Every structure is written in C-alpha cells, then in structure tokens.
C-alpha cells in the first residue's frame, strides 16, 4: 500500500503543478487582456488630449484671439 502511495506522489504533484500553472496562465492572460484594454484607453485619452491641444494652439496661431473676439 505504501509503495502505491509513493508511486502516486509524482502523479499528484505533477497534476497539482499543471492545474496551478494553468490557473496562473489564465489569470495572467485575463490580466494582460484587461491591462491592454486599460492602457489603450489611457493612450486614446492622451492622444485625444494632445490632438485637442494641438488643434487649439493651431487655431490661436492662425486666428489670434483678438480676431476671434472681433469676429
């Protein structure tokens, strides 16, 4: 009986390791997926802000503020 238990140990350990590693992989893939979405949304906000600021400065350069007031 003891020898059977000793034979079963490596199988149990390998199964446990496999299960844990698959769980860790799925968690990390979910984490990477959501962090990528989060990072891309932050990047989009930064990009929009930069474009908006560039647009504003462009408008102020082409049409100075005093001309805007008169128009």
PDB file of N, CA and C in Angstrom:
ATOM      1  N   UNK A   1       0.838  -1.198   0.000  1.00  0.00           N
ATOM      2  CA  UNK A   1       0.000   0.000   0.000  1.00  0.00           C
ATOM      3  C   UNK A   1       0.875   1.250   0.000  1.00  0.00           C
ATOM      4  N   UNK A   2       1.960   1.210   0.813  1.00  0.00           N
ATOM      5  CA  UNK A   2       2.842   2.377   0.876  1.00  0.00           C
ATOM      6  C   UNK A   2       3.519   2.631  -0.459  1.00  0.00           C
ATOM      7  N   UNK A   3       3.909   1.557  -1.150  1.00  0.00           N
ATOM      8  CA  UNK A   3       4.583   1.722  -2.435  1.00  0.00           C
ATOM      9  C   UNK A   3       3.624   2.342  -3.459  1.00  0.00           C
ATOM     10  N   UNK A   4       2.342   1.975  -3.390  1.00  0.00           N
ATOM     11  CA  UNK A   4       1.348   2.571  -4.287  1.00  0.00           C
ATOM     12  C   UNK A   4       1.230   4.075  -4.033  1.00  0.00           C
ATOM     13  N   UNK A   5       1.217   4.442  -2.750  1.00  0.00           N
ATOM     14  CA  UNK A   5       1.132   5.857  -2.386  1.00  0.00           C
ATOM     15  C   UNK A   5       2.361   6.597  -2.910  1.00  0.00           C
ATOM     16  N   UNK A   6       3.544   5.984  -2.732  1.00  0.00           N
ATOM     17  CA  UNK A   6       4.774   6.621  -3.206  1.00  0.00           C
ATOM     18  C   UNK A   6       4.780   6.746  -4.726  1.00  0.00           C
ATOM     19  N   UNK A   7       4.180   5.753  -5.418  1.00  0.00           N
ATOM     20  CA  UNK A   7       4.076   5.841  -6.877  1.00  0.00           C
ATOM     21  C   UNK A   7       3.116   6.963  -7.276  1.00  0.00           C
ATOM     22  N   UNK A   8       2.085   7.144  -6.468  1.00  0.00           N
ATOM     23  CA  UNK A   8       1.064   8.141  -6.797  1.00  0.00           C
ATOM     24  C   UNK A   8       1.553   9.570  -6.548  1.00  0.00           C
ATOM     25  N   UNK A   9       2.530   9.746  -5.658  1.00  0.00           N
ATOM     26  CA  UNK A   9       3.010  11.094  -5.329  1.00  0.00           C
ATOM     27  C   UNK A   9       3.424  11.921  -6.550  1.00  0.00           C
ATOM     28  N   UNK A  10       4.292  11.389  -7.417  1.00  0.00           N
ATOM     29  CA  UNK A  10       4.702  12.206  -8.576  1.00  0.00           C
ATOM     30  C   UNK A  10       3.532  12.592  -9.468  1.00  0.00           C
ATOM     31  N   UNK A  11       2.559  11.673  -9.614  1.00  0.00           N
ATOM     32  CA  UNK A  11       1.383  11.954 -10.440  1.00  0.00           C
ATOM     33  C   UNK A  11       0.573  13.086  -9.819  1.00  0.00           C
ATOM     34  N   UNK A  12       0.347  12.988  -8.507  1.00  0.00           N
ATOM     35  CA  UNK A  12      -0.428  14.010  -7.804  1.00  0.00           C
ATOM     36  C   UNK A  12       0.288  15.356  -7.888  1.00  0.00           C
ATOM     37  N   UNK A  13       1.601  15.331  -7.653  1.00  0.00           N
ATOM     38  CA  UNK A  13       2.380  16.572  -7.690  1.00  0.00           C
ATOM     39  C   UNK A  13       2.335  17.185  -9.086  1.00  0.00           C
ATOM     40  N   UNK A  14       2.528  16.348 -10.115  1.00  0.00           N
ATOM     41  CA  UNK A  14       2.526  16.880 -11.483  1.00  0.00           C
ATOM     42  C   UNK A  14       1.148  17.419 -11.852  1.00  0.00           C
ATOM     43  N   UNK A  15       0.085  16.721 -11.406  1.00  0.00           N
ATOM     44  CA  UNK A  15      -1.273  17.203 -11.663  1.00  0.00           C
ATOM     45  C   UNK A  15      -1.512  18.541 -10.971  1.00  0.00           C
ATOM     46  N   UNK A  16      -1.058  18.632  -9.710  1.00  0.00           N
ATOM     47  CA  UNK A  16      -1.231  19.872  -8.961  1.00  0.00           C
ATOM     48  C   UNK A  16      -0.486  21.018  -9.636  1.00  0.00           C
ATOM     49  N   UNK A  17       0.755  20.753 -10.033  1.00  0.00           N
ATOM     50  CA  UNK A  17       1.559  21.774 -10.703  1.00  0.00           C
ATOM     51  C   UNK A  17       0.897  22.200 -12.013  1.00  0.00           C
ATOM     52  N   UNK A  18       0.397  21.211 -12.766  1.00  0.00           N
ATOM     53  CA  UNK A  18      -0.259  21.514 -14.037  1.00  0.00           C
ATOM     54  C   UNK A  18      -1.501  22.370 -13.820  1.00  0.00           C
ATOM     55  N   UNK A  19      -2.303  21.998 -12.798  1.00  0.00           N
ATOM     56  CA  UNK A  19      -3.516  22.758 -12.509  1.00  0.00           C
ATOM     57  C   UNK A  19      -3.180  24.182 -12.100  1.00  0.00           C
ATOM     58  N   UNK A  20      -2.215  24.303 -11.181  1.00  0.00           N
ATOM     59  CA  UNK A  20      -1.821  25.631 -10.712  1.00  0.00           C
ATOM     60  C   UNK A  20      -1.275  26.479 -11.849  1.00  0.00           C
ATOM     61  N   UNK A  21      -0.449  25.875 -12.703  1.00  0.00           N
ATOM     62  CA  UNK A  21       0.144  26.647 -13.792  1.00  0.00           C
ATOM     63  C   UNK A  21      -0.919  27.070 -14.797  1.00  0.00           C
ATOM     64  N   UNK A  22      -1.908  26.196 -15.055  1.00  0.00           N
ATOM     65  CA  UNK A  22      -2.964  26.572 -15.998  1.00  0.00           C
ATOM     66  C   UNK A  22      -3.820  27.695 -15.422  1.00  0.00           C
ATOM     67  N   UNK A  23      -4.111  27.617 -14.112  1.00  0.00           N
ATOM     68  CA  UNK A  23      -4.870  28.681 -13.451  1.00  0.00           C
ATOM     69  C   UNK A  23      -4.090  29.993 -13.515  1.00  0.00           C
ATOM     70  N   UNK A  24      -2.792  29.913 -13.219  1.00  0.00           N
ATOM     71  CA  UNK A  24      -1.954  31.107 -13.259  1.00  0.00           C
ATOM     72  C   UNK A  24      -1.898  31.686 -14.669  1.00  0.00           C
ATOM     73  N   UNK A  25      -1.817  30.804 -15.665  1.00  0.00           N
ATOM     74  CA  UNK A  25      -1.790  31.259 -17.058  1.00  0.00           C
ATOM     75  C   UNK A  25      -3.081  31.967 -17.429  1.00  0.00           C
ATOM     76  N   UNK A  26      -4.216  31.386 -17.039  1.00  0.00           N
ATOM     77  CA  UNK A  26      -5.494  32.003 -17.393  1.00  0.00           C
ATOM     78  C   UNK A  26      -5.653  33.349 -16.694  1.00  0.00           C
ATOM     79  N   UNK A  27      -5.239  33.418 -15.416  1.00  0.00           N
ATOM     80  CA  UNK A  27      -5.311  34.681 -14.680  1.00  0.00           C
ATOM     81  C   UNK A  27      -4.422  35.729 -15.335  1.00  0.00           C
ATOM     82  N   UNK A  28      -3.200  35.330 -15.689  1.00  0.00           N
ATOM     83  CA  UNK A  28      -2.275  36.296 -16.282  1.00  0.00           C
ATOM     84  C   UNK A  28      -2.753  36.738 -17.661  1.00  0.00           C
ATOM     85  N   UNK A  29      -3.366  35.817 -18.426  1.00  0.00           N
ATOM     86  CA  UNK A  29      -3.866  36.209 -19.747  1.00  0.00           C
ATOM     87  C   UNK A  29      -5.027  37.181 -19.604  1.00  0.00           C
ATOM     88  N   UNK A  30      -5.916  36.926 -18.637  1.00  0.00           N
ATOM     89  CA  UNK A  30      -7.004  37.865 -18.363  1.00  0.00           C
ATOM     90  C   UNK A  30      -6.444  39.214 -17.947  1.00  0.00           C
ATOM     91  N   UNK A  31      -5.443  39.179 -17.051  1.00  0.00           N
ATOM     92  CA  UNK A  31      -4.831  40.416 -16.575  1.00  0.00           C
ATOM     93  C   UNK A  31      -4.230  41.191 -17.730  1.00  0.00           C
ATOM     94  N   UNK A  32      -3.497  40.489 -18.612  1.00  0.00           N
ATOM     95  CA  UNK A  32      -2.866  41.164 -19.747  1.00  0.00           C
ATOM     96  C   UNK A  32      -3.912  41.720 -20.689  1.00  0.00           C
ATOM     97  N   UNK A  33      -5.018  40.962 -20.886  1.00  0.00           N
ATOM     98  CA  UNK A  33      -6.067  41.433 -21.787  1.00  0.00           C
ATOM     99  C   UNK A  33      -6.666  42.733 -21.249  1.00  0.00           C
ATOM    100  N   UNK A  34      -7.032  42.728 -19.961  1.00  0.00           N
ATOM    101  CA  UNK A  34      -7.665  43.915 -19.400  1.00  0.00           C
ATOM    102  C   UNK A  34      -6.691  45.073 -19.258  1.00  0.00           C
ATOM    103  N   UNK A  35      -5.434  44.782 -18.913  1.00  0.00           N
ATOM    104  CA  UNK A  35      -4.462  45.866 -18.790  1.00  0.00           C
ATOM    105  C   UNK A  35      -4.171  46.470 -20.155  1.00  0.00           C
ATOM    106  N   UNK A  36      -4.208  45.630 -21.210  1.00  0.00           N
ATOM    107  CA  UNK A  36      -4.012  46.153 -22.566  1.00  0.00           C
ATOM    108  C   UNK A  36      -5.166  47.073 -22.945  1.00  0.00           C
ATOM    109  N   UNK A  37      -6.393  46.657 -22.620  1.00  0.00           N
ATOM    110  CA  UNK A  37      -7.562  47.499 -22.901  1.00  0.00           C
ATOM    111  C   UNK A  37      -7.455  48.809 -22.131  1.00  0.00           C
ATOM    112  N   UNK A  38      -7.085  48.701 -20.843  1.00  0.00           N
ATOM    113  CA  UNK A  38      -6.959  49.879 -19.989  1.00  0.00           C
ATOM    114  C   UNK A  38      -5.881  50.813 -20.518  1.00  0.00           C
ATOM    115  N   UNK A  39      -4.728  50.246 -20.876  1.00  0.00           N
ATOM    116  CA  UNK A  39      -3.618  51.053 -21.381  1.00  0.00           C
ATOM    117  C   UNK A  39      -3.994  51.715 -22.696  1.00  0.00           C
ATOM    118  N   UNK A  40      -4.699  50.981 -23.571  1.00  0.00           N
ATOM    119  CA  UNK A  40      -5.069  51.569 -24.859  1.00  0.00           C
ATOM    120  C   UNK A  40      -6.079  52.692 -24.663  1.00  0.00           C
ATOM    121  N   UNK A  41      -6.991  52.559 -23.685  1.00  0.00           N
ATOM    122  CA  UNK A  41      -7.955  53.631 -23.439  1.00  0.00           C
ATOM    123  C   UNK A  41      -7.245  54.863 -22.886  1.00  0.00           C
ATOM    124  N   UNK A  42      -6.269  54.648 -21.988  1.00  0.00           N
ATOM    125  CA  UNK A  42      -5.471  55.765 -21.478  1.00  0.00           C
ATOM    126  C   UNK A  42      -4.723  56.426 -22.628  1.00  0.00           C
ATOM    127  N   UNK A  43      -4.141  55.596 -23.500  1.00  0.00           N
ATOM    128  CA  UNK A  43      -3.403  56.111 -24.651  1.00  0.00           C
ATOM    129  C   UNK A  43      -4.329  56.915 -25.558  1.00  0.00           C
ATOM    130  N   UNK A  44      -5.564  56.423 -25.756  1.00  0.00           N
ATOM    131  CA  UNK A  44      -6.525  57.130 -26.598  1.00  0.00           C
ATOM    132  C   UNK A  44      -6.878  58.485 -25.992  1.00  0.00           C
ATOM    133  N   UNK A  45      -7.075  58.523 -24.672  1.00  0.00           N
ATOM    134  CA  UNK A  45      -7.393  59.782 -23.995  1.00  0.00           C
ATOM    135  C   UNK A  45      -6.234  60.767 -24.141  1.00  0.00           C
ATOM    136  N   UNK A  46      -5.004  60.275 -23.936  1.00  0.00           N
ATOM    137  CA  UNK A  46      -3.822  61.129 -24.076  1.00  0.00           C
ATOM    138  C   UNK A  46      -3.715  61.638 -25.508  1.00  0.00           C
ATOM    139  N   UNK A  47      -3.950  60.747 -26.462  1.00  0.00           N
ATOM    140  CA  UNK A  47      -3.860  61.120 -27.873  1.00  0.00           C
ATOM    141  C   UNK A  47      -4.906  62.175 -28.215  1.00  0.00           C
ATOM    142  N   UNK A  48      -6.144  61.981 -27.741  1.00  0.00           N
ATOM    143  CA  UNK A  48      -7.202  62.956 -27.994  1.00  0.00           C
ATOM    144  C   UNK A  48      -6.858  64.294 -27.355  1.00  0.00           C
ATOM    145  N   UNK A  49      -6.348  64.249 -26.130  1.00  0.00           N
ATOM    146  CA  UNK A  49      -5.968  65.485 -25.452  1.00  0.00           C
ATOM    147  C   UNK A  49      -4.863  66.217 -26.193  1.00  0.00           C
ATOM    148  N   UNK A  50      -3.874  65.467 -26.659  1.00  0.00           N
ATOM    149  CA  UNK A  50      -2.773  66.071 -27.408  1.00  0.00           C
ATOM    150  C   UNK A  50      -3.281  66.677 -28.706  1.00  0.00           C
ATOM    151  N   UNK A  51      -4.148  65.938 -29.403  1.00  0.00           N
ATOM    152  CA  UNK A  51      -4.708  66.446 -30.658  1.00  0.00           C
ATOM    153  C   UNK A  51      -5.533  67.697 -30.404  1.00  0.00           C
ATOM    154  N   UNK A  52      -6.313  67.693 -29.321  1.00  0.00           N
ATOM    155  CA  UNK A  52      -7.151  68.847 -28.986  1.00  0.00           C
ATOM    156  C   UNK A  52      -6.288  70.058 -28.656  1.00  0.00           C
ATOM    157  N   UNK A  53      -5.229  69.837 -27.864  1.00  0.00           N
ATOM    158  CA  UNK A  53      -4.324  70.932 -27.508  1.00  0.00           C
ATOM    159  C   UNK A  53      -3.625  71.477 -28.750  1.00  0.00           C
ATOM    160  N   UNK A  54      -3.192  70.572 -29.625  1.00  0.00           N
ATOM    161  CA  UNK A  54      -2.554  70.996 -30.873  1.00  0.00           C
ATOM    162  C   UNK A  54      -3.536  71.778 -31.727  1.00  0.00           C
ATOM    163  N   UNK A  55      -4.773  71.314 -31.766  1.00  0.00           N
ATOM    164  CA  UNK A  55      -5.826  71.980 -32.527  1.00  0.00           C
ATOM    165  C   UNK A  55      -6.061  73.392 -31.987  1.00  0.00           C
ATOM    166  N   UNK A  56      -6.146  73.515 -30.659  1.00  0.00           N
ATOM    167  CA  UNK A  56      -6.360  74.822 -30.032  1.00  0.00           C
ATOM    168  C   UNK A  56      -5.202  75.764 -30.314  1.00  0.00           C
ATOM    169  N   UNK A  57      -3.980  75.264 -30.152  1.00  0.00           N
ATOM    170  CA  UNK A  57      -2.818  76.129 -30.382  1.00  0.00           C
ATOM    171  C   UNK A  57      -2.737  76.517 -31.855  1.00  0.00           C
ATOM    172  N   UNK A  58      -3.130  75.597 -32.738  1.00  0.00           N
ATOM    173  CA  UNK A  58      -3.143  75.886 -34.178  1.00  0.00           C
ATOM    174  C   UNK A  58      -4.151  76.994 -34.483  1.00  0.00           C
ATOM    175  N   UNK A  59      -5.352  76.879 -33.885  1.00  0.00           N
ATOM    176  CA  UNK A  59      -6.388  77.902 -34.085  1.00  0.00           C
ATOM    177  C   UNK A  59      -5.890  79.251 -33.567  1.00  0.00           C
ATOM    178  N   UNK A  60      -5.259  79.257 -32.396  1.00  0.00           N
ATOM    179  CA  UNK A  60      -4.785  80.513 -31.817  1.00  0.00           C
ATOM    180  C   UNK A  60      -3.630  81.087 -32.623  1.00  0.00           C
ATOM    181  N   UNK A  61      -2.868  80.221 -33.288  1.00  0.00           N
ATOM    182  CA  UNK A  61      -1.767  80.718 -34.116  1.00  0.00           C
ATOM    183  C   UNK A  61      -2.311  81.297 -35.416  1.00  0.00           C
ATOM    184  N   UNK A  62      -3.239  80.581 -36.040  1.00  0.00           N
ATOM    185  CA  UNK A  62      -3.780  81.024 -37.330  1.00  0.00           C
ATOM    186  C   UNK A  62      -4.733  82.198 -37.135  1.00  0.00           C
ATOM    187  N   UNK A  63      -5.672  82.037 -36.189  1.00  0.00           N
ATOM    188  CA  UNK A  63      -6.596  83.116 -35.867  1.00  0.00           C
ATOM    189  C   UNK A  63      -6.267  83.611 -34.470  1.00  0.00           C
ATOM    190  N   UNK A  64      -5.548  84.700 -34.320  1.00  0.00           N
ATOM    191  CA  UNK A  64      -5.257  85.201 -32.973  1.00  0.00           C
ATOM    192  C   UNK A  64      -6.537  85.540 -32.211  1.00  0.00           C
ATOM    193  N   UNK A  65      -6.408  85.592 -30.874  1.00  0.00           N
ATOM    194  CA  UNK A  65      -7.583  85.718 -30.003  1.00  0.00           C
ATOM    195  C   UNK A  65      -8.317  87.028 -30.272  1.00  0.00           C
ATOM    196  N   UNK A  66      -7.596  88.122 -30.550  1.00  0.00           N
ATOM    197  CA  UNK A  66      -8.277  89.401 -30.759  1.00  0.00           C
ATOM    198  C   UNK A  66      -9.132  89.363 -32.028  1.00  0.00           C
ATOM    199  N   UNK A  67      -8.697  88.616 -33.041  1.00  0.00           N
ATOM    200  CA  UNK A  67      -9.511  88.482 -34.245  1.00  0.00           C
ATOM    201  C   UNK A  67     -10.766  87.658 -33.948  1.00  0.00           C
ATOM    202  N   UNK A  68     -10.622  86.638 -33.094  1.00  0.00           N
ATOM    203  CA  UNK A  68     -11.779  85.829 -32.720  1.00  0.00           C
ATOM    204  C   UNK A  68     -12.811  86.703 -32.012  1.00  0.00           C
ATOM    205  N   UNK A  69     -12.345  87.611 -31.143  1.00  0.00           N
ATOM    206  CA  UNK A  69     -13.259  88.485 -30.411  1.00  0.00           C
ATOM    207  C   UNK A  69     -14.004  89.413 -31.353  1.00  0.00           C
ATOM    208  N   UNK A  70     -13.314  89.951 -32.362  1.00  0.00           N
ATOM    209  CA  UNK A  70     -13.968  90.864 -33.301  1.00  0.00           C
ATOM    210  C   UNK A  70     -14.945  90.120 -34.207  1.00  0.00           C
ATOM    211  N   UNK A  71     -14.596  88.870 -34.567  1.00  0.00           N
ATOM    212  CA  UNK A  71     -15.479  88.098 -35.433  1.00  0.00           C
ATOM    213  C   UNK A  71     -16.678  87.642 -34.605  1.00  0.00           C
TER     214      UNK A  71
END
